[in-house]
Amino acid sequence: MSLTIEEKCRIAWPETNLKAIIAVGPMGSRQDYLLFNRETNEVTTGNIGKDRPCWFSSLDAFAERVEKSYGERLESAQYSEEGKANLVRYRAEYRQVITFLRSLPSYKVVADEPVAYA
């Protein structure tokens, strides 16, 4: 049984108002959701079991990981041409999402107001 997006958010950010979270997906090699917290500028992807994210960091650290991880995999001889084509696609998906998330204005949830931009 997989976790819902809300459950994944609560694991990563137990006290965060869900209005601050953007979910994108499914995407990547695991076809899971990338969650972005607009208040903290943090990203989480996937989950290991039911108690911790597969990846949790700042957006900038995640962008560095994408470049390093997919770059190393693409240089590896262990992937077929089809496998490498998938890696290129996954890296492109993540790059596009990172660019989009970086373009957003800062965000702060204010009491019960639906949205407040800084």
PDB file of N, CA and C in Angstrom:
ATOM      1  N   MET A   1       0.840  -1.176   0.000  1.00  0.00           N
ATOM      2  CA  MET A   1       0.000   0.000   0.000  1.00  0.00           C
ATOM      3  C   MET A   1       0.890   1.246   0.000  1.00  0.00           C
ATOM      4  N   SER A   2       0.699   2.111  -0.963  1.00  0.00           N
ATOM      5  CA  SER A   2       1.507   3.317  -1.025  1.00  0.00           C
ATOM      6  C   SER A   2       0.860   4.435  -0.208  1.00  0.00           C
ATOM      7  N   LEU A   3       1.690   5.372   0.177  1.00  0.00           N
ATOM      8  CA  LEU A   3       1.211   6.505   0.964  1.00  0.00           C
ATOM      9  C   LEU A   3       0.538   7.540   0.069  1.00  0.00           C
ATOM     10  N   THR A   4      -0.412   8.268   0.624  1.00  0.00           N
ATOM     11  CA  THR A   4      -1.026   9.376  -0.104  1.00  0.00           C
ATOM     12  C   THR A   4      -0.057  10.552  -0.103  1.00  0.00           C
ATOM     13  N   ILE A   5      -0.318  11.515  -0.959  1.00  0.00           N
ATOM     14  CA  ILE A   5       0.517  12.716  -0.984  1.00  0.00           C
ATOM     15  C   ILE A   5       0.454  13.421   0.366  1.00  0.00           C
ATOM     16  N   GLU A   6      -0.719  13.513   0.951  1.00  0.00           N
ATOM     17  CA  GLU A   6      -0.835  14.158   2.263  1.00  0.00           C
ATOM     18  C   GLU A   6      -0.011  13.422   3.311  1.00  0.00           C
ATOM     19  N   GLU A   7      -0.046  12.105   3.312  1.00  0.00           N
ATOM     20  CA  GLU A   7       0.757  11.340   4.280  1.00  0.00           C
ATOM     21  C   GLU A   7       2.254  11.591   4.074  1.00  0.00           C
ATOM     22  N   LYS A   8       2.676  11.663   2.822  1.00  0.00           N
ATOM     23  CA  LYS A   8       4.086  11.947   2.536  1.00  0.00           C
ATOM     24  C   LYS A   8       4.472  13.333   3.031  1.00  0.00           C
ATOM     25  N   CYS A   9       3.573  14.296   2.854  1.00  0.00           N
ATOM     26  CA  CYS A   9       3.820  15.658   3.343  1.00  0.00           C
ATOM     27  C   CYS A   9       3.964  15.666   4.859  1.00  0.00           C
ATOM     28  N   ARG A  10       3.109  14.948   5.538  1.00  0.00           N
ATOM     29  CA  ARG A  10       3.126  14.919   7.004  1.00  0.00           C
ATOM     30  C   ARG A  10       4.383  14.247   7.550  1.00  0.00           C
ATOM     31  N   ILE A  11       4.936  13.287   6.806  1.00  0.00           N
ATOM     32  CA  ILE A  11       6.188  12.666   7.229  1.00  0.00           C
ATOM     33  C   ILE A  11       7.322  13.681   7.141  1.00  0.00           C
ATOM     34  N   ALA A  12       7.378  14.410   6.043  1.00  0.00           N
ATOM     35  CA  ALA A  12       8.459  15.376   5.826  1.00  0.00           C
ATOM     36  C   ALA A  12       8.284  16.648   6.645  1.00  0.00           C
ATOM     37  N   TRP A  13       7.058  17.157   6.718  1.00  0.00           N
ATOM     38  CA  TRP A  13       6.792  18.433   7.377  1.00  0.00           C
ATOM     39  C   TRP A  13       5.547  18.308   8.250  1.00  0.00           C
ATOM     40  N   PRO A  14       5.670  17.708   9.418  1.00  0.00           N
ATOM     41  CA  PRO A  14       4.485  17.425  10.255  1.00  0.00           C
ATOM     42  C   PRO A  14       3.643  18.644  10.612  1.00  0.00           C
ATOM     43  N   GLU A  15       4.257  19.805  10.739  1.00  0.00           N
ATOM     44  CA  GLU A  15       3.531  20.992  11.204  1.00  0.00           C
ATOM     45  C   GLU A  15       3.187  21.977  10.088  1.00  0.00           C
ATOM     46  N   THR A  16       3.586  21.695   8.875  1.00  0.00           N
ATOM     47  CA  THR A  16       3.396  22.640   7.772  1.00  0.00           C
ATOM     48  C   THR A  16       1.957  22.641   7.274  1.00  0.00           C
ATOM     49  N   ASN A  17       1.452  23.830   6.987  1.00  0.00           N
ATOM     50  CA  ASN A  17       0.152  23.970   6.352  1.00  0.00           C
ATOM     51  C   ASN A  17       0.267  23.404   4.931  1.00  0.00           C
ATOM     52  N   LEU A  18      -0.612  22.518   4.566  1.00  0.00           N
ATOM     53  CA  LEU A  18      -0.526  21.879   3.256  1.00  0.00           C
ATOM     54  C   LEU A  18      -0.688  22.845   2.091  1.00  0.00           C
ATOM     55  N   LYS A  19      -1.189  24.046   2.367  1.00  0.00           N
ATOM     56  CA  LYS A  19      -1.293  25.054   1.301  1.00  0.00           C
ATOM     57  C   LYS A  19       0.079  25.481   0.801  1.00  0.00           C
ATOM     58  N   ALA A  20       1.119  25.219   1.588  1.00  0.00           N
ATOM     59  CA  ALA A  20       2.474  25.599   1.200  1.00  0.00           C
ATOM     60  C   ALA A  20       3.158  24.545   0.337  1.00  0.00           C
ATOM     61  N   ILE A  21       2.512  23.412   0.126  1.00  0.00           N
ATOM     62  CA  ILE A  21       3.141  22.290  -0.574  1.00  0.00           C
ATOM     63  C   ILE A  21       2.684  22.208  -2.031  1.00  0.00           C
ATOM     64  N   ILE A  22       3.642  21.975  -2.912  1.00  0.00           N
ATOM     65  CA  ILE A  22       3.359  21.702  -4.312  1.00  0.00           C
ATOM     66  C   ILE A  22       3.801  20.270  -4.578  1.00  0.00           C
ATOM     67  N   ALA A  23       2.921  19.479  -5.160  1.00  0.00           N
ATOM     68  CA  ALA A  23       3.233  18.094  -5.525  1.00  0.00           C
ATOM     69  C   ALA A  23       3.304  17.999  -7.043  1.00  0.00           C
ATOM     70  N   VAL A  24       4.364  17.382  -7.545  1.00  0.00           N
ATOM     71  CA  VAL A  24       4.544  17.215  -8.986  1.00  0.00           C
ATOM     72  C   VAL A  24       4.820  15.736  -9.265  1.00  0.00           C
ATOM     73  N   GLY A  25       4.081  15.185 -10.207  1.00  0.00           N
ATOM     74  CA  GLY A  25       4.354  13.796 -10.551  1.00  0.00           C
ATOM     75  C   GLY A  25       3.112  13.099 -11.041  1.00  0.00           C
ATOM     76  N   PRO A  26       3.250  11.805 -11.230  1.00  0.00           N
ATOM     77  CA  PRO A  26       4.442  11.000 -10.965  1.00  0.00           C
ATOM     78  C   PRO A  26       5.546  11.277 -11.985  1.00  0.00           C
ATOM     79  N   MET A  27       6.789  11.114 -11.515  1.00  0.00           N
ATOM     80  CA  MET A  27       7.936  11.399 -12.372  1.00  0.00           C
ATOM     81  C   MET A  27       9.160  10.646 -11.892  1.00  0.00           C
ATOM     82  N   GLY A  28      10.226  10.702 -12.691  1.00  0.00           N
ATOM     83  CA  GLY A  28      11.481  10.060 -12.330  1.00  0.00           C
ATOM     84  C   GLY A  28      11.436   8.552 -12.499  1.00  0.00           C
ATOM     85  N   SER A  29      12.530   7.917 -12.148  1.00  0.00           N
ATOM     86  CA  SER A  29      12.656   6.474 -12.362  1.00  0.00           C
ATOM     87  C   SER A  29      11.689   5.670 -11.508  1.00  0.00           C
ATOM     88  N   ARG A  30      11.266   6.218 -10.372  1.00  0.00           N
ATOM     89  CA  ARG A  30      10.327   5.505  -9.514  1.00  0.00           C
ATOM     90  C   ARG A  30       8.872   5.889  -9.773  1.00  0.00           C
ATOM     91  N   GLN A  31       8.674   6.827 -10.683  1.00  0.00           N
ATOM     92  CA  GLN A  31       7.325   7.308 -10.974  1.00  0.00           C
ATOM     93  C   GLN A  31       6.581   7.667  -9.689  1.00  0.00           C
ATOM     94  N   ASP A  32       7.248   8.498  -8.887  1.00  0.00           N
ATOM     95  CA  ASP A  32       6.693   8.950  -7.618  1.00  0.00           C
ATOM     96  C   ASP A  32       6.544  10.463  -7.673  1.00  0.00           C
ATOM     97  N   TYR A  33       6.122  11.039  -6.572  1.00  0.00           N
ATOM     98  CA  TYR A  33       5.881  12.480  -6.511  1.00  0.00           C
ATOM     99  C   TYR A  33       7.043  13.224  -5.879  1.00  0.00           C
ATOM    100  N   LEU A  34       7.355  14.368  -6.453  1.00  0.00           N
ATOM    101  CA  LEU A  34       8.263  15.315  -5.848  1.00  0.00           C
ATOM    102  C   LEU A  34       7.393  16.294  -5.078  1.00  0.00           C
ATOM    103  N   LEU A  35       7.726  16.521  -3.821  1.00  0.00           N
ATOM    104  CA  LEU A  35       6.986  17.473  -2.989  1.00  0.00           C
ATOM    105  C   LEU A  35       7.898  18.638  -2.673  1.00  0.00           C
ATOM    106  N   PHE A  36       7.365  19.848  -2.803  1.00  0.00           N
ATOM    107  CA  PHE A  36       8.140  21.062  -2.550  1.00  0.00           C
ATOM    108  C   PHE A  36       7.410  21.907  -1.525  1.00  0.00           C
ATOM    109  N   ASN A  37       8.115  22.269  -0.473  1.00  0.00           N
ATOM    110  CA  ASN A  37       7.559  23.125   0.573  1.00  0.00           C
ATOM    111  C   ASN A  37       7.978  24.561   0.271  1.00  0.00           C
ATOM    112  N   ARG A  38       7.020  25.383  -0.097  1.00  0.00           N
ATOM    113  CA  ARG A  38       7.313  26.764  -0.496  1.00  0.00           C
ATOM    114  C   ARG A  38       7.700  27.648   0.674  1.00  0.00           C
ATOM    115  N   GLU A  39       7.380  27.251   1.883  1.00  0.00           N
ATOM    116  CA  GLU A  39       7.804  28.041   3.047  1.00  0.00           C
ATOM    117  C   GLU A  39       9.264  27.784   3.410  1.00  0.00           C
ATOM    118  N   THR A  40       9.697  26.534   3.271  1.00  0.00           N
ATOM    119  CA  THR A  40      11.051  26.173   3.707  1.00  0.00           C
ATOM    120  C   THR A  40      12.027  25.986   2.554  1.00  0.00           C
ATOM    121  N   ASN A  41      11.521  25.980   1.312  1.00  0.00           N
ATOM    122  CA  ASN A  41      12.338  25.756   0.114  1.00  0.00           C
ATOM    123  C   ASN A  41      12.982  24.366   0.136  1.00  0.00           C
ATOM    124  N   GLU A  42      12.244  23.390   0.673  1.00  0.00           N
ATOM    125  CA  GLU A  42      12.743  22.020   0.767  1.00  0.00           C
ATOM    126  C   GLU A  42      11.985  21.097  -0.188  1.00  0.00           C
ATOM    127  N   VAL A  43      12.684  20.041  -0.593  1.00  0.00           N
ATOM    128  CA  VAL A  43      12.154  19.051  -1.518  1.00  0.00           C
ATOM    129  C   VAL A  43      12.245  17.673  -0.869  1.00  0.00           C
ATOM    130  N   THR A  44      11.251  16.854  -1.142  1.00  0.00           N
ATOM    131  CA  THR A  44      11.316  15.449  -0.782  1.00  0.00           C
ATOM    132  C   THR A  44      10.803  14.624  -1.952  1.00  0.00           C
ATOM    133  N   THR A  45      11.396  13.449  -2.124  1.00  0.00           N
ATOM    134  CA  THR A  45      10.939  12.538  -3.173  1.00  0.00           C
ATOM    135  C   THR A  45      10.798  11.146  -2.598  1.00  0.00           C
ATOM    136  N   GLY A  46       9.779  10.451  -3.046  1.00  0.00           N
ATOM    137  CA  GLY A  46       9.587   9.063  -2.650  1.00  0.00           C
ATOM    138  C   GLY A  46       9.555   8.852  -1.152  1.00  0.00           C
ATOM    139  N   ASN A  47       9.430   7.619  -0.752  1.00  0.00           N
ATOM    140  CA  ASN A  47       9.470   7.250   0.657  1.00  0.00           C
ATOM    141  C   ASN A  47      10.090   5.870   0.802  1.00  0.00           C
ATOM    142  N   ILE A  48      10.823   5.703   1.884  1.00  0.00           N
ATOM    143  CA  ILE A  48      11.361   4.398   2.249  1.00  0.00           C
ATOM    144  C   ILE A  48      10.485   3.909   3.385  1.00  0.00           C
ATOM    145  N   GLY A  49       9.719   2.885   3.127  1.00  0.00           N
ATOM    146  CA  GLY A  49       8.776   2.427   4.137  1.00  0.00           C
ATOM    147  C   GLY A  49       7.709   3.475   4.366  1.00  0.00           C
ATOM    148  N   LYS A  50       7.268   3.576   5.596  1.00  0.00           N
ATOM    149  CA  LYS A  50       6.206   4.526   5.922  1.00  0.00           C
ATOM    150  C   LYS A  50       6.680   5.629   6.864  1.00  0.00           C
ATOM    151  N   ASP A  51       8.003   5.755   7.029  1.00  0.00           N
ATOM    152  CA  ASP A  51       8.436   6.716   8.036  1.00  0.00           C
ATOM    153  C   ASP A  51       9.500   7.710   7.612  1.00  0.00           C
ATOM    154  N   ARG A  52      10.039   7.594   6.384  1.00  0.00           N
ATOM    155  CA  ARG A  52      11.012   8.606   5.978  1.00  0.00           C
ATOM    156  C   ARG A  52      11.087   8.757   4.469  1.00  0.00           C
ATOM    157  N   PRO A  53      11.386   9.972   4.028  1.00  0.00           N
ATOM    158  CA  PRO A  53      11.507  10.228   2.587  1.00  0.00           C
ATOM    159  C   PRO A  53      12.743   9.546   2.011  1.00  0.00           C
ATOM    160  N   CYS A  54      12.689   9.246   0.743  1.00  0.00           N
ATOM    161  CA  CYS A  54      13.840   8.709   0.028  1.00  0.00           C
ATOM    162  C   CYS A  54      14.913   9.806  -0.093  1.00  0.00           C
ATOM    163  N   TRP A  55      14.475  11.030  -0.364  1.00  0.00           N
ATOM    164  CA  TRP A  55      15.387  12.187  -0.455  1.00  0.00           C
ATOM    165  C   TRP A  55      14.724  13.374   0.207  1.00  0.00           C
ATOM    166  N   PHE A  56      15.503  14.149   0.979  1.00  0.00           N
ATOM    167  CA  PHE A  56      14.996  15.339   1.653  1.00  0.00           C
ATOM    168  C   PHE A  56      16.123  16.348   1.718  1.00  0.00           C
ATOM    169  N   SER A  57      15.930  17.526   1.127  1.00  0.00           N
ATOM    170  CA  SER A  57      16.972  18.558   1.129  1.00  0.00           C
ATOM    171  C   SER A  57      16.401  19.881   0.666  1.00  0.00           C
ATOM    172  N   SER A  58      17.280  20.868   0.595  1.00  0.00           N
ATOM    173  CA  SER A  58      16.899  22.141  -0.021  1.00  0.00           C
ATOM    174  C   SER A  58      16.732  21.916  -1.520  1.00  0.00           C
ATOM    175  N   LEU A  59      16.059  22.832  -2.173  1.00  0.00           N
ATOM    176  CA  LEU A  59      15.886  22.737  -3.622  1.00  0.00           C
ATOM    177  C   LEU A  59      17.236  22.779  -4.328  1.00  0.00           C
ATOM    178  N   ASP A  60      18.148  23.633  -3.865  1.00  0.00           N
ATOM    179  CA  ASP A  60      19.465  23.725  -4.495  1.00  0.00           C
ATOM    180  C   ASP A  60      20.258  22.425  -4.353  1.00  0.00           C
ATOM    181  N   ALA A  61      20.211  21.815  -3.170  1.00  0.00           N
ATOM    182  CA  ALA A  61      20.915  20.538  -2.967  1.00  0.00           C
ATOM    183  C   ALA A  61      20.302  19.442  -3.852  1.00  0.00           C
ATOM    184  N   PHE A  62      18.990  19.481  -4.007  1.00  0.00           N
ATOM    185  CA  PHE A  62      18.330  18.500  -4.876  1.00  0.00           C
ATOM    186  C   PHE A  62      18.775  18.700  -6.327  1.00  0.00           C
ATOM    187  N   ALA A  63      18.852  19.940  -6.774  1.00  0.00           N
ATOM    188  CA  ALA A  63      19.293  20.222  -8.148  1.00  0.00           C
ATOM    189  C   ALA A  63      20.706  19.686  -8.371  1.00  0.00           C
ATOM    190  N   GLU A  64      21.581  19.873  -7.399  1.00  0.00           N
ATOM    191  CA  GLU A  64      22.949  19.346  -7.500  1.00  0.00           C
ATOM    192  C   GLU A  64      22.930  17.821  -7.573  1.00  0.00           C
ATOM    193  N   ARG A  65      22.084  17.194  -6.770  1.00  0.00           N
ATOM    194  CA  ARG A  65      21.982  15.730  -6.766  1.00  0.00           C
ATOM    195  C   ARG A  65      21.510  15.207  -8.111  1.00  0.00           C
ATOM    196  N   VAL A  66      20.519  15.866  -8.687  1.00  0.00           N
ATOM    197  CA  VAL A  66      20.014  15.441 -10.000  1.00  0.00           C
ATOM    198  C   VAL A  66      21.140  15.456 -11.022  1.00  0.00           C
ATOM    199  N   GLU A  67      21.893  16.545 -11.070  1.00  0.00           N
ATOM    200  CA  GLU A  67      22.972  16.655 -12.054  1.00  0.00           C
ATOM    201  C   GLU A  67      24.058  15.602 -11.821  1.00  0.00           C
ATOM    202  N   LYS A  68      24.448  15.416 -10.571  1.00  0.00           N
ATOM    203  CA  LYS A  68      25.500  14.445 -10.252  1.00  0.00           C
ATOM    204  C   LYS A  68      25.026  13.021 -10.510  1.00  0.00           C
ATOM    205  N   SER A  69      23.887  12.685  -9.978  1.00  0.00           N
ATOM    206  CA  SER A  69      23.384  11.314 -10.079  1.00  0.00           C
ATOM    207  C   SER A  69      23.109  10.902 -11.518  1.00  0.00           C
ATOM    208  N   TYR A  70      22.384  11.727 -12.244  1.00  0.00           N
ATOM    209  CA  TYR A  70      22.053  11.366 -13.621  1.00  0.00           C
ATOM    210  C   TYR A  70      23.266  11.476 -14.529  1.00  0.00           C
ATOM    211  N   GLY A  71      24.166  12.396 -14.242  1.00  0.00           N
ATOM    212  CA  GLY A  71      25.403  12.495 -15.024  1.00  0.00           C
ATOM    213  C   GLY A  71      26.241  11.237 -14.892  1.00  0.00           C
ATOM    214  N   GLU A  72      26.393  10.757 -13.650  1.00  0.00           N
ATOM    215  CA  GLU A  72      27.172   9.538 -13.420  1.00  0.00           C
ATOM    216  C   GLU A  72      26.517   8.324 -14.069  1.00  0.00           C
ATOM    217  N   ARG A  73      25.208   8.236 -13.959  1.00  0.00           N
ATOM    218  CA  ARG A  73      24.507   7.095 -14.561  1.00  0.00           C
ATOM    219  C   ARG A  73      24.645   7.091 -16.080  1.00  0.00           C
ATOM    220  N   LEU A  74      24.562   8.276 -16.683  1.00  0.00           N
ATOM    221  CA  LEU A  74      24.659   8.349 -18.141  1.00  0.00           C
ATOM    222  C   LEU A  74      26.058   7.979 -18.632  1.00  0.00           C
ATOM    223  N   GLU A  75      27.067   8.193 -17.804  1.00  0.00           N
ATOM    224  CA  GLU A  75      28.432   7.827 -18.177  1.00  0.00           C
ATOM    225  C   GLU A  75      28.709   6.346 -17.940  1.00  0.00           C
ATOM    226  N   SER A  76      27.860   5.693 -17.176  1.00  0.00           N
ATOM    227  CA  SER A  76      28.037   4.285 -16.841  1.00  0.00           C
ATOM    228  C   SER A  76      27.746   3.395 -18.042  1.00  0.00           C
ATOM    229  N   ALA A  77      28.502   2.306 -18.141  1.00  0.00           N
ATOM    230  CA  ALA A  77      28.297   1.365 -19.240  1.00  0.00           C
ATOM    231  C   ALA A  77      27.193   0.354 -18.943  1.00  0.00           C
ATOM    232  N   GLN A  78      26.605   0.426 -17.753  1.00  0.00           N
ATOM    233  CA  GLN A  78      25.641  -0.606 -17.355  1.00  0.00           C
ATOM    234  C   GLN A  78      24.255  -0.428 -17.960  1.00  0.00           C
ATOM    235  N   TYR A  79      23.985   0.704 -18.596  1.00  0.00           N
ATOM    236  CA  TYR A  79      22.648   0.959 -19.127  1.00  0.00           C
ATOM    237  C   TYR A  79      22.586   0.723 -20.635  1.00  0.00           C
ATOM    238  N   SER A  80      21.474   0.145 -21.082  1.00  0.00           N
ATOM    239  CA  SER A  80      21.218  -0.017 -22.511  1.00  0.00           C
ATOM    240  C   SER A  80      20.898   1.349 -23.107  1.00  0.00           C
ATOM    241  N   GLU A  81      20.767   1.393 -24.409  1.00  0.00           N
ATOM    242  CA  GLU A  81      20.395   2.650 -25.060  1.00  0.00           C
ATOM    243  C   GLU A  81      19.021   3.114 -24.580  1.00  0.00           C
ATOM    244  N   GLU A  82      18.102   2.171 -24.427  1.00  0.00           N
ATOM    245  CA  GLU A  82      16.769   2.518 -23.928  1.00  0.00           C
ATOM    246  C   GLU A  82      16.854   3.031 -22.489  1.00  0.00           C
ATOM    247  N   GLY A  83      17.663   2.390 -21.681  1.00  0.00           N
ATOM    248  CA  GLY A  83      17.852   2.834 -20.300  1.00  0.00           C
ATOM    249  C   GLY A  83      18.433   4.235 -20.234  1.00  0.00           C
ATOM    250  N   LYS A  84      19.405   4.513 -21.089  1.00  0.00           N
ATOM    251  CA  LYS A  84      20.005   5.858 -21.125  1.00  0.00           C
ATOM    252  C   LYS A  84      18.999   6.895 -21.610  1.00  0.00           C
ATOM    253  N   ALA A  85      18.160   6.523 -22.563  1.00  0.00           N
ATOM    254  CA  ALA A  85      17.127   7.447 -23.049  1.00  0.00           C
ATOM    255  C   ALA A  85      16.163   7.797 -21.913  1.00  0.00           C
ATOM    256  N   ASN A  86      15.821   6.808 -21.096  1.00  0.00           N
ATOM    257  CA  ASN A  86      14.955   7.077 -19.937  1.00  0.00           C
ATOM    258  C   ASN A  86      15.647   8.004 -18.953  1.00  0.00           C
ATOM    259  N   LEU A  87      16.937   7.790 -18.704  1.00  0.00           N
ATOM    260  CA  LEU A  87      17.683   8.659 -17.785  1.00  0.00           C
ATOM    261  C   LEU A  87      17.705  10.098 -18.284  1.00  0.00           C
ATOM    262  N   VAL A  88      17.903  10.273 -19.576  1.00  0.00           N
ATOM    263  CA  VAL A  88      17.888  11.619 -20.166  1.00  0.00           C
ATOM    264  C   VAL A  88      16.519  12.261 -19.935  1.00  0.00           C
ATOM    265  N   ARG A  89      15.456  11.490 -20.145  1.00  0.00           N
ATOM    266  CA  ARG A  89      14.100  12.011 -19.944  1.00  0.00           C
ATOM    267  C   ARG A  89      13.863  12.375 -18.479  1.00  0.00           C
ATOM    268  N   TYR A  90      14.239  11.497 -17.552  1.00  0.00           N
ATOM    269  CA  TYR A  90      14.026  11.772 -16.131  1.00  0.00           C
ATOM    270  C   TYR A  90      14.795  13.019 -15.693  1.00  0.00           C
ATOM    271  N   ARG A  91      16.051  13.140 -16.138  1.00  0.00           N
ATOM    272  CA  ARG A  91      16.834  14.321 -15.775  1.00  0.00           C
ATOM    273  C   ARG A  91      16.182  15.578 -16.335  1.00  0.00           C
ATOM    274  N   ALA A  92      15.689  15.501 -17.566  1.00  0.00           N
ATOM    275  CA  ALA A  92      15.018  16.658 -18.166  1.00  0.00           C
ATOM    276  C   ALA A  92      13.759  17.023 -17.391  1.00  0.00           C
ATOM    277  N   GLU A  93      12.986  16.019 -16.970  1.00  0.00           N
ATOM    278  CA  GLU A  93      11.784  16.284 -16.161  1.00  0.00           C
ATOM    279  C   GLU A  93      12.162  17.023 -14.882  1.00  0.00           C
ATOM    280  N   TYR A  94      13.164  16.495 -14.173  1.00  0.00           N
ATOM    281  CA  TYR A  94      13.576  17.130 -12.917  1.00  0.00           C
ATOM    282  C   TYR A  94      14.100  18.545 -13.158  1.00  0.00           C
ATOM    283  N   ARG A  95      14.886  18.739 -14.211  1.00  0.00           N
ATOM    284  CA  ARG A  95      15.400  20.081 -14.519  1.00  0.00           C
ATOM    285  C   ARG A  95      14.252  21.062 -14.759  1.00  0.00           C
ATOM    286  N   GLN A  96      13.233  20.628 -15.495  1.00  0.00           N
ATOM    287  CA  GLN A  96      12.095  21.511 -15.770  1.00  0.00           C
ATOM    288  C   GLN A  96      11.338  21.858 -14.493  1.00  0.00           C
ATOM    289  N   VAL A  97      11.136  20.877 -13.633  1.00  0.00           N
ATOM    290  CA  VAL A  97      10.425  21.127 -12.373  1.00  0.00           C
ATOM    291  C   VAL A  97      11.250  22.051 -11.479  1.00  0.00           C
ATOM    292  N   ILE A  98      12.541  21.835 -11.402  1.00  0.00           N
ATOM    293  CA  ILE A  98      13.414  22.693 -10.594  1.00  0.00           C
ATOM    294  C   ILE A  98      13.350  24.127 -11.096  1.00  0.00           C
ATOM    295  N   THR A  99      13.407  24.313 -12.402  1.00  0.00           N
ATOM    296  CA  THR A  99      13.313  25.661 -12.983  1.00  0.00           C
ATOM    297  C   THR A  99      11.980  26.306 -12.615  1.00  0.00           C
ATOM    298  N   PHE A 100      10.895  25.549 -12.723  1.00  0.00           N
ATOM    299  CA  PHE A 100       9.581  26.063 -12.359  1.00  0.00           C
ATOM    300  C   PHE A 100       9.540  26.449 -10.876  1.00  0.00           C
ATOM    301  N   LEU A 101       9.995  25.580 -10.003  1.00  0.00           N
ATOM    302  CA  LEU A 101       9.937  25.860  -8.570  1.00  0.00           C
ATOM    303  C   LEU A 101      10.781  27.077  -8.199  1.00  0.00           C
ATOM    304  N   ARG A 102      11.914  27.228  -8.834  1.00  0.00           N
ATOM    305  CA  ARG A 102      12.768  28.399  -8.573  1.00  0.00           C
ATOM    306  C   ARG A 102      12.111  29.690  -9.041  1.00  0.00           C
ATOM    307  N   SER A 103      11.199  29.606  -9.991  1.00  0.00           N
ATOM    308  CA  SER A 103      10.556  30.810 -10.534  1.00  0.00           C
ATOM    309  C   SER A 103       9.433  31.329  -9.643  1.00  0.00           C
ATOM    310  N   LEU A 104       8.994  30.542  -8.691  1.00  0.00           N
ATOM    311  CA  LEU A 104       7.864  30.940  -7.849  1.00  0.00           C
ATOM    312  C   LEU A 104       8.259  32.009  -6.848  1.00  0.00           C
ATOM    313  N   PRO A 105       7.336  32.910  -6.525  1.00  0.00           N
ATOM    314  CA  PRO A 105       7.629  33.898  -5.482  1.00  0.00           C
ATOM    315  C   PRO A 105       7.667  33.202  -4.124  1.00  0.00           C
ATOM    316  N   SER A 106       8.322  33.850  -3.160  1.00  0.00           N
ATOM    317  CA  SER A 106       8.328  33.274  -1.814  1.00  0.00           C
ATOM    318  C   SER A 106       6.898  33.214  -1.304  1.00  0.00           C
ATOM    319  N   TYR A 107       6.649  32.329  -0.378  1.00  0.00           N
ATOM    320  CA  TYR A 107       5.287  32.042   0.049  1.00  0.00           C
ATOM    321  C   TYR A 107       5.235  31.913   1.559  1.00  0.00           C
ATOM    322  N   LYS A 108       4.203  32.479   2.138  1.00  0.00           N
ATOM    323  CA  LYS A 108       3.986  32.350   3.571  1.00  0.00           C
ATOM    324  C   LYS A 108       2.497  32.198   3.814  1.00  0.00           C
ATOM    325  N   VAL A 109       2.125  31.102   4.482  1.00  0.00           N
ATOM    326  CA  VAL A 109       0.731  30.912   4.846  1.00  0.00           C
ATOM    327  C   VAL A 109       0.438  31.810   6.032  1.00  0.00           C
ATOM    328  N   VAL A 110      -0.619  32.591   5.924  1.00  0.00           N
ATOM    329  CA  VAL A 110      -1.006  33.506   6.991  1.00  0.00           C
ATOM    330  C   VAL A 110      -2.351  33.069   7.541  1.00  0.00           C
ATOM    331  N   ALA A 111      -2.350  32.624   8.782  1.00  0.00           N
ATOM    332  CA  ALA A 111      -3.569  32.193   9.475  1.00  0.00           C
ATOM    333  C   ALA A 111      -4.448  31.352   8.547  1.00  0.00           C
ATOM    334  N   ASP A 112      -5.684  31.762   8.377  1.00  0.00           N
ATOM    335  CA  ASP A 112      -6.606  31.001   7.545  1.00  0.00           C
ATOM    336  C   ASP A 112      -6.774  31.584   6.147  1.00  0.00           C
ATOM    337  N   GLU A 113      -5.955  32.582   5.814  1.00  0.00           N
ATOM    338  CA  GLU A 113      -6.022  33.145   4.478  1.00  0.00           C
ATOM    339  C   GLU A 113      -5.530  32.106   3.484  1.00  0.00           C
ATOM    340  N   PRO A 114      -6.140  32.028   2.298  1.00  0.00           N
ATOM    341  CA  PRO A 114      -5.752  30.994   1.350  1.00  0.00           C
ATOM    342  C   PRO A 114      -4.340  31.142   0.816  1.00  0.00           C
ATOM    343  N   VAL A 115      -3.888  32.370   0.539  1.00  0.00           N
ATOM    344  CA  VAL A 115      -2.574  32.579  -0.043  1.00  0.00           C
ATOM    345  C   VAL A 115      -2.047  33.955   0.355  1.00  0.00           C
ATOM    346  N   ALA A 116      -0.758  34.028   0.647  1.00  0.00           N
ATOM    347  CA  ALA A 116      -0.102  35.309   0.913  1.00  0.00           C
ATOM    348  C   ALA A 116       1.273  35.276   0.286  1.00  0.00           C
ATOM    349  N   TYR A 117       1.551  36.169  -0.639  1.00  0.00           N
ATOM    350  CA  TYR A 117       2.856  36.207  -1.305  1.00  0.00           C
ATOM    351  C   TYR A 117       3.689  37.322  -0.721  1.00  0.00           C
ATOM    352  N   ALA A 118       4.983  37.063  -0.624  1.00  0.00           N
ATOM    353  CA  ALA A 118       5.908  38.087  -0.104  1.00  0.00           C
ATOM    354  C   ALA A 118       6.686  38.695  -1.254  1.00  0.00           C
TER     355      ALA A 118
END
